[in-house]
């Protein structure tokens, strides 16, 4: 068995910086003596993580231990945590936000740099299939019991494929600015730990001034972000400043509107920065495809080409994008009994409608589940959303269906020309004005992974 931790530990250039103390650590200085927990066999472990140095140390220590690990955001509510723990009954829980958990005792483990406590239940022993190594929540369902089952092979192969196209090297200084329980954020840690240099932990939010002060201090060489982050960076004036240390930036986690993407492309070309637009899903461990930075201008609407060892095809009947590769997951777990099994899934049905152009680049047209019927007509909400964003030259806008009765356009603008927008939609899609409604939000609801929360938008509209 080829283990990802072995690849990480063989990187002698790897260092970690703790922003809170400005201390620098090597990997072996962070690893905690998990063997002191005296776990018998493979035990299920829950880790509620942030991007702190301590969270990184805890995760890497248990990654080295070969126990199956569930990664969760430490910011989710107490009730959601209790529901998850009641269902899966983990033997070990790491959570800095709680002092006690019923039926669990506290045990301290430490090294010279870090001292932590974990909750242990010696009477809990859940059977987990030997192939399952890591479990992640699907995008936006952080409190849901539905988990993606990933193997050691999945994690390693995806990380190596990312290293294959991103210009990661030993001189890099990379900020951990995305959640570790999110497949994109975890992939940043994995790929840079394998091939990179310095990883900066415990950073303030990327949208605060303190983050950009850290960029100046530590000289970050790259930044990773989802569409919302790039939309907000555009608003707060990122493109008006110069960052000499930046070598490349990357974007995944959904479709960034074309107009904003072009602004970042132009900025990157002017400042000798590479820009990588990528596509992926948690079910593929993180990454499925990418657009080579030198093709981004001509392929600005594309999700690119498959990663190394991956294959993409279009279903002839449904136009759904199908993906095959060594990073495809082993099925979902919705209850603890599901952990006994590993499924071979080939291909992965992405749920995205797509087409392939004459150069072999793939393009997403919308989601299968984002098709709604309004007045008897099938409507692709992603297409309408893209049309409005383009025509308005704005990004903080979202379209969702309400009970198959009408389309709701959620936005953050003080004034919109609603009649003109209805006319634009009618001229393009022949959808009548009464089928379109508008609602202004002070802030568009987001999931924990900073994606638009369409379900929450609909709920808030119906509540009012």
Protein backbone atom coordinates (compact mmCIF):
# COMPACT_ATOMS: atom_id res chain seq x y z
CA UNK A 1 0.00 0.00 0.00
CA UNK A 2 1.28 3.45 -0.97
CA UNK A 3 0.38 5.92 1.81
CA UNK A 4 -0.06 9.68 1.41
CA UNK A 5 1.56 10.27 4.79
CA UNK A 6 4.75 8.59 3.59
CA UNK A 7 4.88 11.04 0.66
CA UNK A 8 4.32 13.96 3.04
CA UNK A 9 6.94 12.81 5.55
CA UNK A 10 9.53 12.38 2.77
CA UNK A 11 9.27 16.11 1.90
CA UNK A 12 12.25 17.46 3.85
CA UNK A 13 11.46 21.06 2.81
CA UNK A 14 8.06 21.01 4.51
CA UNK A 15 7.53 23.56 7.29
CA UNK A 16 4.51 24.98 9.09
CA UNK A 17 4.08 28.52 10.41
CA UNK A 18 1.69 29.36 13.24
CA UNK A 19 0.48 32.92 12.63
CA UNK A 20 -0.59 33.36 16.27
CA UNK A 21 2.92 32.85 17.63
CA UNK A 22 4.96 33.35 14.44
CA UNK A 23 6.63 30.02 15.26
CA UNK A 24 7.99 27.64 12.61
CA UNK A 25 7.74 23.86 12.92
CA UNK A 26 8.86 20.83 10.97
CA UNK A 27 6.45 17.93 10.51
CA UNK A 28 8.05 15.69 13.15
CA UNK A 29 7.69 18.49 15.72
CA UNK A 30 3.92 18.58 15.18
CA UNK A 31 3.12 14.87 15.26
CA UNK A 32 1.31 13.80 18.41
CA UNK A 33 1.84 10.38 20.07
CA UNK A 34 -1.56 8.92 19.11
CA UNK A 35 -0.28 5.48 20.07
CA UNK A 36 -0.68 6.57 23.70
CA UNK A 37 -4.45 6.37 23.19
CA UNK A 38 -3.98 2.57 23.03
CA UNK A 39 -6.74 2.06 20.47
CA UNK A 40 -7.44 -1.57 19.63
CA UNK A 41 -7.82 -2.20 15.91
CA UNK A 42 -9.13 0.44 13.51
CA UNK A 43 -11.36 2.90 15.37
CA UNK A 44 -13.57 5.64 13.92
CA UNK A 45 -12.33 9.13 14.75
CA UNK A 46 -14.20 12.45 14.57
CA UNK A 47 -12.08 15.58 14.12
CA UNK A 48 -13.77 18.98 14.36
CA UNK A 49 -11.19 21.22 12.70
CA UNK A 50 -10.32 24.83 11.96
CA UNK A 51 -7.27 25.96 9.98
CA UNK A 52 -5.19 26.44 13.12
CA UNK A 53 -1.76 24.87 13.54
CA UNK A 54 -3.22 22.62 16.24
CA UNK A 55 -5.93 21.34 13.87
CA UNK A 56 -3.34 20.63 11.18
CA UNK A 57 -1.16 18.79 13.70
CA UNK A 58 -4.10 16.70 14.94
CA UNK A 59 -5.19 15.78 11.40
CA UNK A 60 -1.69 14.82 10.22
CA UNK A 61 -1.10 12.80 13.40
CA UNK A 62 -4.22 10.72 12.83
CA UNK A 63 -3.46 10.51 9.10
CA UNK A 64 -0.23 8.80 10.12
CA UNK A 65 -2.11 6.45 12.46
CA UNK A 66 -4.10 4.71 9.67
CA UNK A 67 -7.41 4.96 11.58
CA UNK A 68 -10.53 5.99 9.56
CA UNK A 69 -11.16 9.68 10.14
CA UNK A 70 -14.23 11.91 9.71
CA UNK A 71 -13.34 15.58 9.10
CA UNK A 72 -15.91 18.15 10.23
CA UNK A 73 -16.04 21.91 10.69
CA UNK A 74 -15.60 22.92 14.33
CA UNK A 75 -18.09 25.74 13.80
CA UNK A 76 -21.19 23.60 13.33
CA UNK A 77 -23.85 23.66 16.04
CA UNK A 78 -23.95 21.45 19.14
CA UNK A 79 -27.18 19.70 18.10
CA UNK A 80 -25.76 18.78 14.68
CA UNK A 81 -22.64 17.40 16.38
CA UNK A 82 -24.74 15.33 18.75
CA UNK A 83 -26.83 13.94 15.90
CA UNK A 84 -23.72 12.88 13.98
CA UNK A 85 -22.12 11.30 17.04
CA UNK A 86 -25.31 9.50 17.99
CA UNK A 87 -25.47 7.96 14.52
CA UNK A 88 -21.81 7.01 13.99
CA UNK A 89 -20.62 6.47 17.58
CA UNK A 90 -16.94 7.39 17.09
CA UNK A 91 -14.34 6.06 19.52
CA UNK A 92 -12.37 9.32 19.54
CA UNK A 93 -13.63 12.91 19.27
CA UNK A 94 -11.42 15.98 18.98
CA UNK A 95 -13.37 19.20 19.62
CA UNK A 96 -11.88 22.27 21.30
CA UNK A 97 -15.34 23.82 21.69
CA UNK A 98 -16.59 21.34 24.30
CA UNK A 99 -15.45 20.50 27.82
CA UNK A 100 -17.42 17.29 28.16
CA UNK A 101 -19.33 14.75 26.09
CA UNK A 102 -21.66 12.20 27.68
CA UNK A 103 -20.16 8.68 27.81
CA UNK A 104 -16.69 10.00 26.84
CA UNK A 105 -13.66 10.61 29.03
CA UNK A 106 -10.93 13.17 28.35
CA UNK A 107 -7.36 12.10 27.63
CA UNK A 108 -4.40 14.40 27.08
CA UNK A 109 -1.74 13.80 24.45
CA UNK A 110 1.11 16.19 23.80
CA UNK A 111 4.51 16.87 22.33
CA UNK A 112 6.95 19.74 22.92
CA UNK A 113 4.93 22.10 20.73
CA UNK A 114 1.30 21.09 21.21
CA UNK A 115 -0.87 19.88 24.05
CA UNK A 116 -4.39 18.67 23.21
CA UNK A 117 -7.21 16.66 24.77
CA UNK A 118 -9.44 14.16 22.99
CA UNK A 119 -12.65 12.49 24.11
CA UNK A 120 -12.51 8.68 24.28
CA UNK A 121 -15.26 6.08 24.49
CA UNK A 122 -13.61 2.69 25.06
CA UNK A 123 -16.94 0.91 24.65
CA UNK A 124 -17.56 2.19 21.13
CA UNK A 125 -16.23 0.03 18.32
CA UNK A 126 -17.81 0.52 14.91
CA UNK A 127 -16.89 -1.82 12.06
CA UNK A 128 -15.36 0.19 9.22
CA UNK A 129 -14.40 -1.38 5.88
CA UNK A 130 -10.61 -1.66 5.53
CA UNK A 131 -10.61 0.47 2.36
CA UNK A 132 -12.29 3.49 4.01
CA UNK A 133 -9.68 5.99 5.18
CA UNK A 134 -11.38 9.36 5.19
CA UNK A 135 -14.97 10.59 5.35
CA UNK A 136 -16.03 14.07 4.26
CA UNK A 137 -19.36 15.81 4.21
CA UNK A 138 -20.68 16.73 0.78
CA UNK A 139 -20.65 20.43 -0.12
CA UNK A 140 -22.99 22.49 2.03
CA UNK A 141 -24.29 19.59 4.15
CA UNK A 142 -21.89 19.97 7.05
CA UNK A 143 -24.44 18.86 9.62
CA UNK A 144 -25.90 16.05 7.54
CA UNK A 145 -25.12 12.41 8.36
CA UNK A 146 -24.42 11.86 4.64
CA UNK A 147 -20.67 11.32 4.24
CA UNK A 148 -18.42 10.57 1.25
CA UNK A 149 -16.26 7.47 1.70
CA UNK A 150 -12.68 7.92 0.47
CA UNK A 151 -9.74 5.53 0.40
CA UNK A 152 -6.01 5.97 0.92
CA UNK A 153 -5.59 5.46 -2.85
CA UNK A 154 -8.23 8.13 -3.62
CA UNK A 155 -6.50 10.73 -1.46
CA UNK A 156 -2.97 10.05 -2.68
CA UNK A 157 -3.78 9.83 -6.38
CA UNK A 158 -5.79 13.04 -6.34
CA UNK A 159 -3.02 14.91 -4.54
CA UNK A 160 -0.41 13.64 -7.00
CA UNK A 161 -2.61 14.62 -9.97
CA UNK A 162 -2.93 18.16 -8.57
CA UNK A 163 0.85 18.34 -8.10
CA UNK A 164 1.13 17.32 -11.75
CA UNK A 165 -0.41 20.53 -13.11
CA UNK A 166 -0.06 23.18 -10.38
CA UNK A 167 3.43 24.79 -10.25
CA UNK A 168 4.06 23.76 -6.64
CA UNK A 169 7.69 23.75 -5.48
CA UNK A 170 9.84 23.76 -2.34
CA UNK A 171 10.06 27.58 -2.23
CA UNK A 172 6.28 28.05 -1.97
CA UNK A 173 4.62 29.73 1.00
CA UNK A 174 0.97 28.72 0.99
CA UNK A 175 -1.86 30.04 3.18
CA UNK A 176 -4.47 27.61 4.53
CA UNK A 177 -7.45 29.86 3.91
CA UNK A 178 -10.06 27.19 3.13
CA UNK A 179 -11.62 24.74 5.65
CA UNK A 180 -9.80 21.43 6.07
CA UNK A 181 -13.10 19.53 6.17
CA UNK A 182 -13.83 20.86 2.65
CA UNK A 183 -12.26 18.70 -0.09
CA UNK A 184 -10.77 21.74 -1.86
CA UNK A 185 -9.15 23.05 1.33
CA UNK A 186 -7.86 19.57 2.20
CA UNK A 187 -6.39 19.18 -1.29
CA UNK A 188 -4.43 22.42 -0.81
CA UNK A 189 -2.90 20.94 2.36
CA UNK A 190 -2.18 17.53 0.80
CA UNK A 191 -0.63 18.71 -2.47
CA UNK A 192 1.53 21.36 -0.82
CA UNK A 193 2.59 19.01 1.99
CA UNK A 194 3.79 16.53 -0.63
CA UNK A 195 5.59 18.88 -3.00
CA UNK A 196 5.67 22.36 -1.47
CA UNK A 197 7.62 24.27 1.13
CA UNK A 198 5.92 26.31 3.85
CA UNK A 199 2.26 26.08 4.91
CA UNK A 200 0.86 28.99 6.93
CA UNK A 201 -1.79 28.07 9.56
CA UNK A 202 -4.23 29.96 11.78
CA UNK A 203 -4.85 32.85 9.40
CA UNK A 204 -7.62 35.45 9.77
CA UNK A 205 -10.46 35.45 7.25
CA UNK A 206 -9.30 36.17 3.70
CA UNK A 207 -11.73 39.08 3.42
CA UNK A 208 -10.20 40.96 6.35
CA UNK A 209 -7.31 43.43 6.27
CA UNK A 210 -5.37 41.24 8.68
CA UNK A 211 -5.14 38.47 6.04
CA UNK A 212 -3.56 40.84 3.54
CA UNK A 213 -1.13 42.06 6.18
CA UNK A 214 -0.12 38.41 6.60
CA UNK A 215 0.37 38.13 2.84
CA UNK A 216 2.81 41.02 2.99
CA UNK A 217 4.61 39.59 6.03
CA UNK A 218 4.89 35.96 4.90
CA UNK A 219 5.00 36.56 1.12
CA UNK A 220 2.34 34.07 0.04
CA UNK A 221 3.09 32.53 -3.35
CA UNK A 222 -0.46 31.33 -4.06
CA UNK A 223 -4.10 31.76 -2.99
CA UNK A 224 -6.99 29.30 -3.41
CA UNK A 225 -10.59 30.44 -3.51
CA UNK A 226 -14.19 29.56 -4.34
CA UNK A 227 -16.26 31.91 -6.55
CA UNK A 228 -17.61 33.89 -3.59
CA UNK A 229 -14.08 34.73 -2.43
CA UNK A 230 -13.12 36.02 -5.89
CA UNK A 231 -16.35 37.99 -6.15
CA UNK A 232 -15.62 39.67 -2.83
CA UNK A 233 -11.94 40.23 -3.62
CA UNK A 234 -13.09 42.02 -6.75
CA UNK A 235 -15.34 44.23 -4.61
CA UNK A 236 -12.76 45.10 -1.97
CA UNK A 237 -10.15 46.24 -4.48
CA UNK A 238 -7.79 43.25 -4.81
CA UNK A 239 -7.29 44.00 -8.51
CA UNK A 240 -6.09 47.54 -7.80
CA UNK A 241 -3.05 46.39 -5.84
CA UNK A 242 0.20 44.61 -6.64
CA UNK A 243 1.38 41.46 -4.81
CA UNK A 244 4.95 40.68 -5.94
CA UNK A 245 5.19 37.34 -4.10
CA UNK A 246 2.12 35.77 -5.78
CA UNK A 247 3.06 33.11 -8.33
CA UNK A 248 -0.36 31.60 -9.03
CA UNK A 249 -3.96 31.66 -7.86
CA UNK A 250 -6.55 28.90 -8.20
CA UNK A 251 -10.34 28.78 -8.27
CA UNK A 252 -12.75 25.88 -7.84
CA UNK A 253 -15.97 25.14 -5.95
CA UNK A 254 -18.40 26.37 -8.59
CA UNK A 255 -18.64 28.60 -11.63
CA UNK A 256 -17.13 32.08 -11.38
CA UNK A 257 -19.03 34.52 -13.60
CA UNK A 258 -17.29 35.19 -16.90
CA UNK A 259 -16.96 38.94 -16.45
CA UNK A 260 -15.19 38.61 -13.09
CA UNK A 261 -13.08 35.74 -14.38
CA UNK A 262 -11.89 37.93 -17.27
CA UNK A 263 -10.95 40.71 -14.87
CA UNK A 264 -8.77 38.31 -12.87
CA UNK A 265 -7.30 36.85 -16.07
CA UNK A 266 -6.31 40.34 -17.24
CA UNK A 267 -4.87 41.17 -13.82
CA UNK A 268 -2.84 37.95 -13.73
CA UNK A 269 -1.44 38.50 -17.23
CA UNK A 270 -0.37 42.03 -16.32
CA UNK A 271 1.27 40.86 -13.08
CA UNK A 272 2.89 37.63 -14.32
CA UNK A 273 0.62 35.43 -12.18
CA UNK A 274 -0.75 32.10 -13.37
CA UNK A 275 -4.50 31.57 -12.90
CA UNK A 276 -5.87 28.02 -12.68
CA UNK A 277 -9.62 27.43 -12.95
CA UNK A 278 -10.55 23.96 -11.77
CA UNK A 279 -13.59 21.72 -11.46
CA UNK A 280 -14.22 18.96 -8.97
CA UNK A 281 -16.49 17.26 -6.48
CA UNK A 282 -16.02 15.77 -3.02
CA UNK A 283 -17.00 12.42 -4.57
CA UNK A 284 -13.84 12.68 -6.70
CA UNK A 285 -11.77 13.48 -3.57
CA UNK A 286 -11.43 17.03 -4.90
CA UNK A 287 -10.34 17.51 -8.50
CA UNK A 288 -11.76 16.28 -11.81
CA UNK A 289 -10.46 18.79 -14.37
CA UNK A 290 -8.54 22.03 -14.84
CA UNK A 291 -7.93 24.68 -17.48
CA UNK A 292 -4.22 25.13 -18.25
CA UNK A 293 -3.42 28.75 -17.41
CA UNK A 294 -2.09 29.47 -20.92
CA UNK A 295 -5.45 28.41 -22.43
CA UNK A 296 -7.68 30.29 -20.01
CA UNK A 297 -8.41 33.29 -22.24
CA UNK A 298 -9.67 31.22 -25.15
CA UNK A 299 -11.39 28.69 -22.84
CA UNK A 300 -12.82 31.12 -20.30
CA UNK A 301 -16.18 29.31 -20.25
CA UNK A 302 -14.66 25.84 -19.92
CA UNK A 303 -13.95 23.54 -16.96
CA UNK A 304 -10.96 22.30 -18.92
CA UNK A 305 -9.47 18.88 -19.46
CA UNK A 306 -9.32 15.83 -17.15
CA UNK A 307 -6.60 15.63 -14.51
CA UNK A 308 -3.82 13.10 -14.96
CA UNK A 309 -5.22 9.52 -14.95
CA UNK A 310 -8.81 10.82 -15.16
CA UNK A 311 -11.32 10.36 -17.97
CA UNK A 312 -14.45 12.38 -18.79
CA UNK A 313 -17.27 11.45 -21.17
CA UNK A 314 -20.75 12.79 -21.91
CA UNK A 315 -23.76 10.50 -21.49
CA UNK A 316 -25.30 10.30 -24.96
CA UNK A 317 -28.88 10.26 -23.67
CA UNK A 318 -28.87 12.68 -20.73
CA UNK A 319 -25.83 14.88 -21.56
CA UNK A 320 -24.61 14.29 -18.02
CA UNK A 321 -20.86 14.53 -17.43
CA UNK A 322 -19.40 11.19 -16.31
CA UNK A 323 -15.96 10.84 -14.73
CA UNK A 324 -13.67 7.86 -14.14
CA UNK A 325 -10.38 7.81 -12.27
CA UNK A 326 -8.47 6.51 -9.23
CA UNK A 327 -9.90 9.34 -7.10
CA UNK A 328 -13.58 8.28 -7.37
CA UNK A 329 -15.16 7.58 -3.97
CA UNK A 330 -16.56 4.34 -2.58
CA UNK A 331 -20.15 5.45 -2.05
CA UNK A 332 -22.03 7.38 0.61
CA UNK A 333 -22.50 6.68 4.28
CA UNK A 334 -25.85 7.84 5.70
CA UNK A 335 -25.68 5.64 8.79
CA UNK A 336 -23.03 3.66 10.62
CA UNK A 337 -24.02 0.40 8.89
CA UNK A 338 -22.91 1.92 5.58
CA UNK A 339 -19.33 2.00 6.88
CA UNK A 340 -19.13 -1.78 6.53
CA UNK A 341 -19.14 -1.53 2.75
CA UNK A 342 -17.02 -0.11 -0.06
CA UNK A 343 -18.63 0.30 -3.47
CA UNK A 344 -16.78 0.35 -6.78
CA UNK A 345 -18.26 3.30 -8.67
CA UNK A 346 -17.41 3.60 -12.34
CA UNK A 347 -18.18 6.09 -13.68
CA UNK A 348 -19.01 8.87 -11.24
CA UNK A 349 -22.23 10.60 -12.27
CA UNK A 350 -21.44 14.25 -11.63
CA UNK A 351 -25.01 15.56 -11.94
CA UNK A 352 -23.74 18.27 -14.30
CA UNK A 353 -24.95 18.75 -17.88
CA UNK A 354 -21.99 19.28 -20.19
CA UNK A 355 -20.60 19.26 -23.71
CA UNK A 356 -17.14 18.77 -25.21
CA UNK A 357 -15.76 21.27 -27.71
CA UNK A 358 -13.63 20.61 -30.80
CA UNK A 359 -10.39 21.01 -28.78
CA UNK A 360 -11.38 18.41 -26.18
CA UNK A 361 -12.28 20.95 -23.48
CA UNK A 362 -15.42 20.39 -21.44
CA UNK A 363 -18.12 22.95 -20.67
CA UNK A 364 -20.85 22.82 -18.00
CA UNK A 365 -24.36 23.82 -19.09
CA UNK A 366 -26.10 23.40 -15.74
CA UNK A 367 -27.15 20.92 -13.08
CA UNK A 368 -29.57 18.09 -13.66
CA UNK A 369 -31.19 19.04 -10.35
CA UNK A 370 -31.25 22.71 -11.32
CA UNK A 371 -33.83 22.03 -13.99
CA UNK A 372 -37.30 23.24 -12.95
CA UNK A 373 -40.69 23.39 -14.61
CA UNK A 374 -42.37 26.79 -14.73
CA UNK A 375 -45.75 27.13 -16.46
CA UNK A 376 -45.09 23.74 -18.08
CA UNK A 377 -41.69 24.72 -19.49
CA UNK A 378 -38.40 23.08 -18.40
CA UNK A 379 -36.00 25.81 -17.31
CA UNK A 380 -32.25 25.62 -16.59
CA UNK A 381 -31.70 27.92 -13.62
CA UNK A 382 -27.93 28.02 -14.13
CA UNK A 383 -28.36 29.38 -17.66
CA UNK A 384 -30.70 32.14 -16.48
CA UNK A 385 -28.37 33.02 -13.60
CA UNK A 386 -25.39 33.27 -15.98
CA UNK A 387 -27.40 35.44 -18.39
CA UNK A 388 -28.40 37.91 -15.67
CA UNK A 389 -24.92 38.09 -14.16
CA UNK A 390 -23.47 38.82 -17.59
CA UNK A 391 -26.06 41.41 -18.59
CA UNK A 392 -25.80 43.21 -15.25
CA UNK A 393 -22.01 42.82 -14.94
CA UNK A 394 -22.50 41.62 -11.36
CA UNK A 395 -21.94 38.41 -9.47
CA UNK A 396 -23.90 38.56 -6.20
CA UNK A 397 -27.07 37.17 -7.70
CA UNK A 398 -28.74 33.76 -7.57
CA UNK A 399 -31.73 32.10 -9.25
CA UNK A 400 -33.80 29.35 -7.70
CA UNK A 401 -37.17 27.73 -8.33
CA UNK A 402 -40.07 28.12 -5.90
CA UNK A 403 -42.40 25.11 -5.84
CA UNK A 404 -42.33 24.89 -9.66
CA UNK A 405 -44.49 28.03 -9.71
CA UNK A 406 -41.97 30.75 -10.50
CA UNK A 407 -38.28 31.66 -10.63
CA UNK A 408 -36.88 33.76 -7.79
CA UNK A 409 -33.99 36.12 -8.53
CA UNK A 410 -32.15 36.86 -5.28
CA UNK A 411 -29.72 39.80 -5.28
CA UNK A 412 -27.96 42.37 -3.09
CA UNK A 413 -28.48 45.50 -5.19
CA UNK A 414 -30.34 48.58 -3.94
CA UNK A 415 -32.09 49.02 -7.29
CA UNK A 416 -32.64 46.67 -10.21
CA UNK A 417 -34.54 47.37 -13.40
CA UNK A 418 -36.85 44.41 -12.92
CA UNK A 419 -38.99 45.06 -16.01
CA UNK A 420 -35.87 45.17 -18.21
CA UNK A 421 -34.58 41.94 -16.71
CA UNK A 422 -37.92 40.23 -17.28
CA UNK A 423 -37.77 41.41 -20.88
CA UNK A 424 -34.24 40.01 -21.27
CA UNK A 425 -35.31 36.63 -19.89
CA UNK A 426 -38.40 36.54 -22.12
CA UNK A 427 -36.43 37.43 -25.26
CA UNK A 428 -33.90 34.69 -24.55
CA UNK A 429 -35.98 31.90 -23.01
CA UNK A 430 -39.60 32.91 -23.75
CA UNK A 431 -40.43 32.83 -20.04
CA UNK A 432 -43.27 35.20 -19.24
CA UNK A 433 -42.86 38.04 -16.70
CA UNK A 434 -45.29 36.65 -14.08
CA UNK A 435 -42.99 33.62 -13.73
CA UNK A 436 -40.13 35.83 -12.49
CA UNK A 437 -39.96 37.38 -9.01
CA UNK A 438 -37.21 39.34 -7.25
CA UNK A 439 -36.02 39.57 -3.63
CA UNK A 440 -33.26 41.72 -2.22
CA UNK A 441 -31.00 40.23 0.47
CA UNK A 442 -28.51 42.18 2.56
CA UNK A 443 -26.23 39.18 2.09
CA UNK A 444 -26.89 36.09 -0.02
CA UNK A 445 -27.04 32.98 2.21
CA UNK A 446 -23.96 30.79 1.92
CA UNK A 447 -23.12 27.23 2.92
CA UNK A 448 -20.17 26.48 5.23
CA UNK A 449 -18.08 26.07 2.07
CA UNK A 450 -18.95 29.59 0.85
CA UNK A 451 -21.26 28.38 -1.92
CA UNK A 452 -24.66 29.91 -2.60
CA UNK A 453 -27.26 28.23 -0.37
CA UNK A 454 -30.21 28.01 -2.76
CA UNK A 455 -32.29 26.05 -0.26
CA UNK A 456 -31.88 28.79 2.36
CA UNK A 457 -32.77 31.48 -0.19
CA UNK A 458 -36.04 29.69 -0.98
CA UNK A 459 -36.78 29.14 2.72
CA UNK A 460 -36.23 32.79 3.62
CA UNK A 461 -38.43 33.93 0.73
CA UNK A 462 -41.26 31.58 1.74
CA UNK A 463 -40.97 32.60 5.40
CA UNK A 464 -41.59 36.22 4.43
